[in-house]
Amino acid sequence: MLAFGVLMAATIGVPLYACGGGTIPLLQAWMYDGMSMGSVAAFMITGPATKITNLGAVKIILGAKRFLLYIVFSMVFSLVCGLVVNMILY
């Protein structure tokens, strides 16, 4: 069940970008409601990695194929990191 939460956090972090400092109150509320630390880590990794300015630069400079690869890599990396954090803490 924790793995599904990490996957959801990594997925939601892509379109729902807010700055790292701006997400802290949101994540605190979600943690109070039961969100795992691994899900928090996954969300905090995908958010800044998929900031609109970063995505725009990657797409313009590297092209559409590498743009999609960047998004997939960001999600996979955040998913793995979140799962590792959950394995360490739980």
Protein backbone atom coordinates (compact mmCIF):
# COMPACT_ATOMS: atom_id res chain seq x y z
CA MET A 1 0.00 0.00 0.00
CA LEU A 2 2.89 2.37 0.72
CA ALA A 3 4.24 1.82 -2.81
CA PHE A 4 0.96 2.96 -4.34
CA GLY A 5 1.08 6.15 -2.25
CA VAL A 6 4.61 6.86 -3.45
CA LEU A 7 3.56 6.30 -7.06
CA MET A 8 0.60 8.66 -6.64
CA ALA A 9 2.76 11.35 -5.04
CA ALA A 10 5.34 11.10 -7.82
CA THR A 11 2.59 11.31 -10.45
CA ILE A 12 0.73 14.20 -8.81
CA GLY A 13 3.97 16.12 -8.32
CA VAL A 14 4.41 16.56 -12.08
CA PRO A 15 1.37 18.71 -13.00
CA LEU A 16 0.83 20.14 -9.52
CA TYR A 17 4.08 22.04 -9.21
CA ALA A 18 4.49 24.52 -6.43
CA CYS A 19 7.82 25.80 -5.17
CA GLY A 20 9.59 23.65 -2.61
CA GLY A 21 8.89 26.04 0.23
CA GLY A 22 5.27 26.46 -0.81
CA THR A 23 4.57 22.75 -0.63
CA ILE A 24 5.73 22.34 2.95
CA PRO A 25 2.41 23.37 4.58
CA LEU A 26 0.53 21.21 2.08
CA LEU A 27 2.73 18.21 2.78
CA GLN A 28 2.48 18.77 6.53
CA ALA A 29 -1.29 18.58 6.27
CA TRP A 30 -1.07 15.45 4.11
CA MET A 31 1.37 13.83 6.56
CA TYR A 32 -1.01 14.63 9.41
CA ASP A 33 -3.68 12.78 7.42
CA GLY A 34 -1.40 9.75 6.97
CA MET A 35 0.89 10.37 4.00
CA SER A 36 4.17 8.42 4.28
CA MET A 37 7.59 10.05 4.32
CA GLY A 38 8.46 8.23 1.10
CA SER A 39 5.47 9.81 -0.63
CA VAL A 40 6.58 13.19 0.64
CA ALA A 41 10.08 12.59 -0.73
CA ALA A 42 8.69 11.55 -4.12
CA PHE A 43 6.47 14.61 -4.30
CA MET A 44 9.31 16.95 -3.31
CA ILE A 45 11.58 15.47 -6.01
CA THR A 46 9.12 15.60 -8.90
CA GLY A 47 7.88 19.11 -8.11
CA PRO A 48 11.10 21.07 -8.66
CA ALA A 49 12.29 18.69 -11.38
CA THR A 50 9.16 19.39 -13.43
CA LYS A 51 8.93 23.11 -12.87
CA ILE A 52 7.47 24.74 -15.99
CA THR A 53 10.65 26.69 -16.71
CA ASN A 54 12.76 23.52 -16.48
CA LEU A 55 10.38 21.62 -18.71
CA GLY A 56 10.32 24.42 -21.26
CA ALA A 57 14.11 24.57 -21.40
CA VAL A 58 14.46 20.80 -21.73
CA LYS A 59 11.91 20.65 -24.55
CA ILE A 60 13.41 23.56 -26.47
CA ILE A 61 17.02 22.47 -26.13
CA LEU A 62 16.74 18.68 -26.25
CA GLY A 63 13.56 18.08 -28.27
CA ALA A 64 10.29 16.29 -27.62
CA LYS A 65 11.69 12.75 -27.36
CA ARG A 66 14.21 13.65 -24.67
CA PHE A 67 11.61 15.85 -23.00
CA LEU A 68 9.39 12.80 -22.44
CA LEU A 69 12.43 10.80 -21.34
CA TYR A 70 13.25 13.52 -18.79
CA ILE A 71 9.73 13.38 -17.33
CA VAL A 72 9.77 9.57 -17.15
CA PHE A 73 13.23 9.56 -15.58
CA SER A 74 12.15 12.16 -13.01
CA MET A 75 9.13 10.08 -12.06
CA VAL A 76 11.07 6.80 -11.88
CA PHE A 77 13.86 8.38 -9.81
CA SER A 78 11.38 9.94 -7.38
CA LEU A 79 9.49 6.65 -7.13
CA VAL A 80 12.68 4.72 -6.30
CA CYS A 81 13.77 7.35 -3.78
CA GLY A 82 10.36 7.33 -2.12
CA LEU A 83 10.37 3.54 -1.87
CA VAL A 84 13.87 3.58 -0.36
CA VAL A 85 12.81 6.18 2.21
CA ASN A 86 9.79 4.03 3.14
CA MET A 87 11.99 0.93 3.42
CA ILE A 88 14.36 2.75 5.76
CA LEU A 89 11.66 4.29 7.96
CA TYR A 90 9.00 1.56 8.05
